[in-house]
Amino acid sequence: MSGRMYEQKAFARMLDINSGDIMQPKSATIDGTELPPFFLLSISVFTGEPKVDVRAMTLDNLDRFTGKVSLGLELVRTRAIVETEMTRIARAIADATSVPVILGSVKY
């Protein structure tokens, strides 16, 4: 969903469907005409893993020819979040198996 733009009604529906993942702002406090600059989501980065906090920046676009407004969210710092979760998972596997963790890349 990151970076995807929605027509206003579709965006409102997407927020409603995913309201369980939206920590801030609470849906009852979202003004019908003004969106907050950021949302705080609680989502799983990988299937079956615990949820983590992820910030999402509000996007908007006004088509100057049609006057239609498109809205969306862009997840913030996704690479760092994915790397942190991969490290957490790798360490959990290492702890459970006594196999050392090697993270990063090898330079030749």
N, C-alpha and C. Protein backbone atom coordinates (compact mmCIF):
# COMPACT_ATOMS: atom_id res chain seq x y z
N MET A 1 0.81 -1.20 0.00
CA MET A 1 0.00 0.00 0.00
C MET A 1 0.85 1.26 0.00
N SER A 2 2.11 1.13 0.36
CA SER A 2 2.97 2.30 0.46
C SER A 2 3.13 2.97 -0.90
N GLY A 3 2.77 4.24 -0.95
CA GLY A 3 2.90 5.01 -2.18
C GLY A 3 1.70 4.90 -3.12
N ARG A 4 0.79 4.00 -2.86
CA ARG A 4 -0.38 3.84 -3.72
C ARG A 4 -1.36 4.97 -3.44
N MET A 5 -1.89 5.55 -4.50
CA MET A 5 -2.83 6.66 -4.37
C MET A 5 -4.26 6.15 -4.58
N TYR A 6 -5.18 6.73 -3.80
CA TYR A 6 -6.58 6.32 -3.82
C TYR A 6 -7.47 7.54 -4.04
N GLU A 7 -8.59 7.33 -4.70
CA GLU A 7 -9.64 8.34 -4.76
C GLU A 7 -10.14 8.52 -3.32
N GLN A 8 -10.68 9.67 -2.99
CA GLN A 8 -11.02 10.00 -1.60
C GLN A 8 -11.88 8.94 -0.91
N LYS A 9 -12.94 8.48 -1.56
CA LYS A 9 -13.81 7.49 -0.92
C LYS A 9 -13.08 6.17 -0.73
N ALA A 10 -12.27 5.77 -1.69
CA ALA A 10 -11.51 4.52 -1.58
C ALA A 10 -10.48 4.62 -0.47
N PHE A 11 -9.88 5.81 -0.30
CA PHE A 11 -8.90 6.01 0.78
C PHE A 11 -9.59 5.90 2.13
N ALA A 12 -10.75 6.52 2.27
CA ALA A 12 -11.50 6.44 3.52
C ALA A 12 -11.88 4.99 3.82
N ARG A 13 -12.27 4.25 2.80
CA ARG A 13 -12.61 2.83 2.98
C ARG A 13 -11.37 2.03 3.39
N MET A 14 -10.24 2.29 2.77
CA MET A 14 -9.00 1.60 3.13
C MET A 14 -8.64 1.87 4.59
N LEU A 15 -8.77 3.11 5.03
CA LEU A 15 -8.51 3.44 6.44
C LEU A 15 -9.48 2.69 7.36
N ASP A 16 -10.74 2.64 6.96
CA ASP A 16 -11.75 1.96 7.78
C ASP A 16 -11.46 0.46 7.88
N ILE A 17 -11.15 -0.17 6.76
CA ILE A 17 -10.86 -1.60 6.74
C ILE A 17 -9.64 -1.93 7.59
N ASN A 18 -8.65 -1.04 7.58
CA ASN A 18 -7.39 -1.28 8.30
C ASN A 18 -7.33 -0.55 9.64
N SER A 19 -8.46 -0.12 10.15
CA SER A 19 -8.48 0.68 11.38
C SER A 19 -7.85 -0.04 12.57
N GLY A 20 -7.88 -1.36 12.58
CA GLY A 20 -7.26 -2.11 13.67
C GLY A 20 -5.75 -1.99 13.69
N ASP A 21 -5.15 -1.61 12.57
CA ASP A 21 -3.70 -1.43 12.48
C ASP A 21 -3.27 0.02 12.71
N ILE A 22 -4.22 0.93 12.80
CA ILE A 22 -3.91 2.35 12.95
C ILE A 22 -3.94 2.69 14.44
N MET A 23 -2.77 3.02 14.98
CA MET A 23 -2.67 3.34 16.39
C MET A 23 -2.96 4.82 16.65
N GLN A 24 -2.44 5.68 15.78
CA GLN A 24 -2.67 7.13 15.90
C GLN A 24 -2.80 7.71 14.52
N PRO A 25 -3.65 8.64 14.28
CA PRO A 25 -4.67 9.11 15.22
C PRO A 25 -5.80 8.09 15.28
N LYS A 26 -6.54 8.13 16.34
CA LYS A 26 -7.71 7.27 16.46
C LYS A 26 -8.74 7.72 15.42
N SER A 27 -9.43 6.78 14.80
CA SER A 27 -10.34 7.12 13.71
C SER A 27 -11.40 8.14 14.11
N ALA A 28 -11.79 8.13 15.36
CA ALA A 28 -12.81 9.08 15.80
C ALA A 28 -12.30 10.52 15.80
N THR A 29 -10.97 10.70 15.80
CA THR A 29 -10.42 12.05 15.85
C THR A 29 -10.01 12.58 14.48
N ILE A 30 -10.14 11.77 13.42
CA ILE A 30 -9.77 12.24 12.09
C ILE A 30 -10.85 13.16 11.56
N ASP A 31 -10.46 14.41 11.26
CA ASP A 31 -11.38 15.39 10.71
C ASP A 31 -11.71 14.98 9.27
N GLY A 32 -12.96 15.13 8.89
CA GLY A 32 -13.41 14.73 7.56
C GLY A 32 -12.77 15.50 6.42
N THR A 33 -12.20 16.67 6.68
CA THR A 33 -11.64 17.48 5.60
C THR A 33 -10.13 17.65 5.70
N GLU A 34 -9.53 17.24 6.79
CA GLU A 34 -8.09 17.45 6.95
C GLU A 34 -7.44 16.21 7.54
N LEU A 35 -6.44 15.70 6.83
CA LEU A 35 -5.72 14.51 7.30
C LEU A 35 -4.49 14.93 8.09
N PRO A 36 -4.08 14.11 9.05
CA PRO A 36 -2.84 14.39 9.77
C PRO A 36 -1.65 14.14 8.85
N PRO A 37 -0.51 14.76 9.12
CA PRO A 37 0.66 14.54 8.26
C PRO A 37 1.24 13.13 8.38
N PHE A 38 1.02 12.46 9.52
CA PHE A 38 1.53 11.11 9.74
C PHE A 38 0.48 10.25 10.43
N PHE A 39 0.56 8.96 10.17
CA PHE A 39 -0.19 7.94 10.89
C PHE A 39 0.83 7.04 11.57
N LEU A 40 0.47 6.48 12.71
CA LEU A 40 1.29 5.47 13.36
C LEU A 40 0.55 4.15 13.22
N LEU A 41 1.18 3.20 12.53
CA LEU A 41 0.59 1.89 12.29
C LEU A 41 1.26 0.86 13.18
N SER A 42 0.57 -0.20 13.47
CA SER A 42 1.14 -1.35 14.16
C SER A 42 0.87 -2.55 13.26
N ILE A 43 1.91 -3.00 12.53
CA ILE A 43 1.75 -4.05 11.53
C ILE A 43 2.89 -5.06 11.62
N SER A 44 2.62 -6.27 11.13
CA SER A 44 3.65 -7.29 11.03
C SER A 44 4.46 -7.04 9.77
N VAL A 45 5.78 -7.03 9.90
CA VAL A 45 6.64 -6.87 8.73
C VAL A 45 6.66 -8.17 7.94
N PHE A 46 6.68 -9.29 8.65
CA PHE A 46 6.67 -10.61 8.03
C PHE A 46 5.50 -11.40 8.59
N THR A 47 4.88 -12.21 7.76
CA THR A 47 3.74 -13.01 8.16
C THR A 47 4.07 -13.87 9.37
N GLY A 48 3.18 -13.83 10.35
CA GLY A 48 3.33 -14.64 11.54
C GLY A 48 4.22 -14.04 12.62
N GLU A 49 4.84 -12.91 12.34
CA GLU A 49 5.72 -12.26 13.30
C GLU A 49 4.94 -11.20 14.08
N PRO A 50 5.47 -10.77 15.23
CA PRO A 50 4.77 -9.74 16.02
C PRO A 50 4.67 -8.41 15.26
N LYS A 51 3.67 -7.66 15.64
CA LYS A 51 3.50 -6.33 15.04
C LYS A 51 4.54 -5.36 15.58
N VAL A 52 4.96 -4.41 14.73
CA VAL A 52 5.88 -3.35 15.13
C VAL A 52 5.28 -2.02 14.72
N ASP A 53 5.74 -0.96 15.36
CA ASP A 53 5.27 0.39 15.02
C ASP A 53 5.94 0.87 13.74
N VAL A 54 5.13 1.39 12.83
CA VAL A 54 5.61 1.91 11.55
C VAL A 54 4.91 3.23 11.30
N ARG A 55 5.70 4.27 11.02
CA ARG A 55 5.09 5.57 10.67
C ARG A 55 4.78 5.59 9.19
N ALA A 56 3.68 6.25 8.86
CA ALA A 56 3.28 6.42 7.47
C ALA A 56 2.95 7.88 7.23
N MET A 57 3.57 8.45 6.21
CA MET A 57 3.37 9.85 5.86
C MET A 57 2.16 9.95 4.92
N THR A 58 1.31 10.94 5.16
CA THR A 58 0.16 11.17 4.30
C THR A 58 0.60 11.80 2.99
N LEU A 59 0.08 11.27 1.89
CA LEU A 59 0.34 11.82 0.55
C LEU A 59 -0.96 12.37 -0.01
N ASP A 60 -0.85 13.45 -0.76
CA ASP A 60 -2.02 13.95 -1.47
C ASP A 60 -1.60 14.52 -2.81
N ASN A 61 -2.52 14.46 -3.74
CA ASN A 61 -2.25 14.96 -5.08
C ASN A 61 -3.53 15.54 -5.65
N LEU A 62 -3.45 16.76 -6.15
CA LEU A 62 -4.59 17.40 -6.80
C LEU A 62 -4.32 17.44 -8.29
N ASP A 63 -5.17 16.76 -9.07
CA ASP A 63 -5.06 16.80 -10.52
C ASP A 63 -5.60 18.14 -10.99
N ARG A 64 -4.72 18.99 -11.48
CA ARG A 64 -5.16 20.36 -11.82
C ARG A 64 -6.07 20.42 -13.03
N PHE A 65 -6.14 19.34 -13.82
CA PHE A 65 -7.03 19.33 -14.97
C PHE A 65 -8.43 18.88 -14.61
N THR A 66 -8.54 17.90 -13.70
CA THR A 66 -9.86 17.37 -13.35
C THR A 66 -10.35 17.88 -12.00
N GLY A 67 -9.43 18.38 -11.16
CA GLY A 67 -9.80 18.83 -9.83
C GLY A 67 -9.96 17.70 -8.83
N LYS A 68 -9.66 16.47 -9.26
CA LYS A 68 -9.79 15.32 -8.36
C LYS A 68 -8.59 15.21 -7.43
N VAL A 69 -8.88 14.85 -6.19
CA VAL A 69 -7.84 14.69 -5.19
C VAL A 69 -7.59 13.19 -4.98
N SER A 70 -6.31 12.82 -4.97
CA SER A 70 -5.92 11.45 -4.65
C SER A 70 -5.16 11.48 -3.33
N LEU A 71 -5.37 10.45 -2.52
CA LEU A 71 -4.74 10.37 -1.20
C LEU A 71 -4.04 9.03 -1.04
N GLY A 72 -3.00 9.02 -0.21
CA GLY A 72 -2.30 7.78 0.05
C GLY A 72 -1.42 7.89 1.27
N LEU A 73 -0.71 6.81 1.55
CA LEU A 73 0.24 6.76 2.65
C LEU A 73 1.56 6.21 2.12
N GLU A 74 2.64 6.72 2.64
CA GLU A 74 3.96 6.19 2.31
C GLU A 74 4.65 5.79 3.61
N LEU A 75 5.01 4.51 3.71
CA LEU A 75 5.67 4.03 4.91
C LEU A 75 7.05 4.67 5.03
N VAL A 76 7.42 5.02 6.25
CA VAL A 76 8.66 5.75 6.52
C VAL A 76 9.72 4.78 7.05
N ARG A 77 10.94 4.88 6.52
CA ARG A 77 12.10 4.09 6.96
C ARG A 77 11.88 2.59 6.85
N THR A 78 11.30 2.16 5.75
CA THR A 78 10.98 0.74 5.60
C THR A 78 12.22 -0.14 5.61
N ARG A 79 13.29 0.30 4.98
CA ARG A 79 14.51 -0.52 4.95
C ARG A 79 15.03 -0.78 6.36
N ALA A 80 15.09 0.26 7.19
CA ALA A 80 15.56 0.09 8.57
C ALA A 80 14.65 -0.84 9.36
N ILE A 81 13.36 -0.74 9.14
CA ILE A 81 12.40 -1.60 9.85
C ILE A 81 12.59 -3.05 9.43
N VAL A 82 12.72 -3.30 8.13
CA VAL A 82 12.93 -4.66 7.64
C VAL A 82 14.24 -5.22 8.16
N GLU A 83 15.31 -4.43 8.12
CA GLU A 83 16.61 -4.89 8.62
C GLU A 83 16.56 -5.21 10.12
N THR A 84 15.89 -4.39 10.88
CA THR A 84 15.75 -4.63 12.32
C THR A 84 15.00 -5.93 12.59
N GLU A 85 13.92 -6.14 11.86
CA GLU A 85 13.14 -7.37 12.04
C GLU A 85 13.92 -8.60 11.59
N MET A 86 14.67 -8.49 10.49
CA MET A 86 15.51 -9.62 10.04
C MET A 86 16.55 -9.96 11.10
N THR A 87 17.16 -8.95 11.69
CA THR A 87 18.15 -9.17 12.74
C THR A 87 17.51 -9.84 13.96
N ARG A 88 16.33 -9.38 14.35
CA ARG A 88 15.63 -9.98 15.49
C ARG A 88 15.34 -11.45 15.23
N ILE A 89 14.85 -11.76 14.03
CA ILE A 89 14.52 -13.14 13.67
C ILE A 89 15.79 -14.00 13.63
N ALA A 90 16.85 -13.47 13.02
CA ALA A 90 18.11 -14.22 12.93
C ALA A 90 18.66 -14.53 14.31
N ARG A 91 18.61 -13.57 15.20
CA ARG A 91 19.11 -13.79 16.56
C ARG A 91 18.25 -14.81 17.30
N ALA A 92 16.95 -14.79 17.09
CA ALA A 92 16.07 -15.78 17.73
C ALA A 92 16.40 -17.19 17.23
N ILE A 93 16.66 -17.30 15.94
CA ILE A 93 17.04 -18.60 15.37
C ILE A 93 18.38 -19.05 15.94
N ALA A 94 19.33 -18.13 16.02
CA ALA A 94 20.65 -18.46 16.57
C ALA A 94 20.54 -18.90 18.02
N ASP A 95 19.72 -18.21 18.79
CA ASP A 95 19.54 -18.58 20.20
C ASP A 95 18.92 -19.96 20.34
N ALA A 96 18.00 -20.28 19.44
CA ALA A 96 17.30 -21.57 19.53
C ALA A 96 18.14 -22.73 18.99
N THR A 97 19.10 -22.44 18.11
CA THR A 97 19.85 -23.51 17.45
C THR A 97 21.34 -23.53 17.80
N SER A 98 21.82 -22.51 18.49
CA SER A 98 23.25 -22.35 18.79
C SER A 98 24.11 -22.21 17.54
N VAL A 99 23.50 -21.82 16.43
CA VAL A 99 24.23 -21.54 15.19
C VAL A 99 24.49 -20.04 15.17
N PRO A 100 25.75 -19.63 14.96
CA PRO A 100 26.05 -18.19 14.98
C PRO A 100 25.35 -17.42 13.86
N VAL A 101 25.05 -16.17 14.15
CA VAL A 101 24.41 -15.28 13.18
C VAL A 101 25.48 -14.52 12.43
N ILE A 102 25.35 -14.47 11.12
CA ILE A 102 26.23 -13.64 10.31
C ILE A 102 25.32 -12.70 9.52
N LEU A 103 25.44 -11.42 9.83
CA LEU A 103 24.60 -10.41 9.17
C LEU A 103 25.47 -9.50 8.32
N GLY A 104 24.90 -8.96 7.27
CA GLY A 104 25.64 -8.02 6.42
C GLY A 104 26.17 -8.72 5.18
N SER A 105 27.17 -8.12 4.58
CA SER A 105 27.75 -8.68 3.36
C SER A 105 29.25 -8.84 3.54
N VAL A 106 29.80 -9.70 2.73
CA VAL A 106 31.23 -9.98 2.77
C VAL A 106 31.91 -9.19 1.67
N LYS A 107 32.98 -8.49 2.01
CA LYS A 107 33.74 -7.75 0.99
C LYS A 107 34.94 -8.58 0.59
N TYR A 108 35.18 -8.66 -0.70
CA TYR A 108 36.34 -9.40 -1.21
C TYR A 108 37.44 -8.48 -1.58
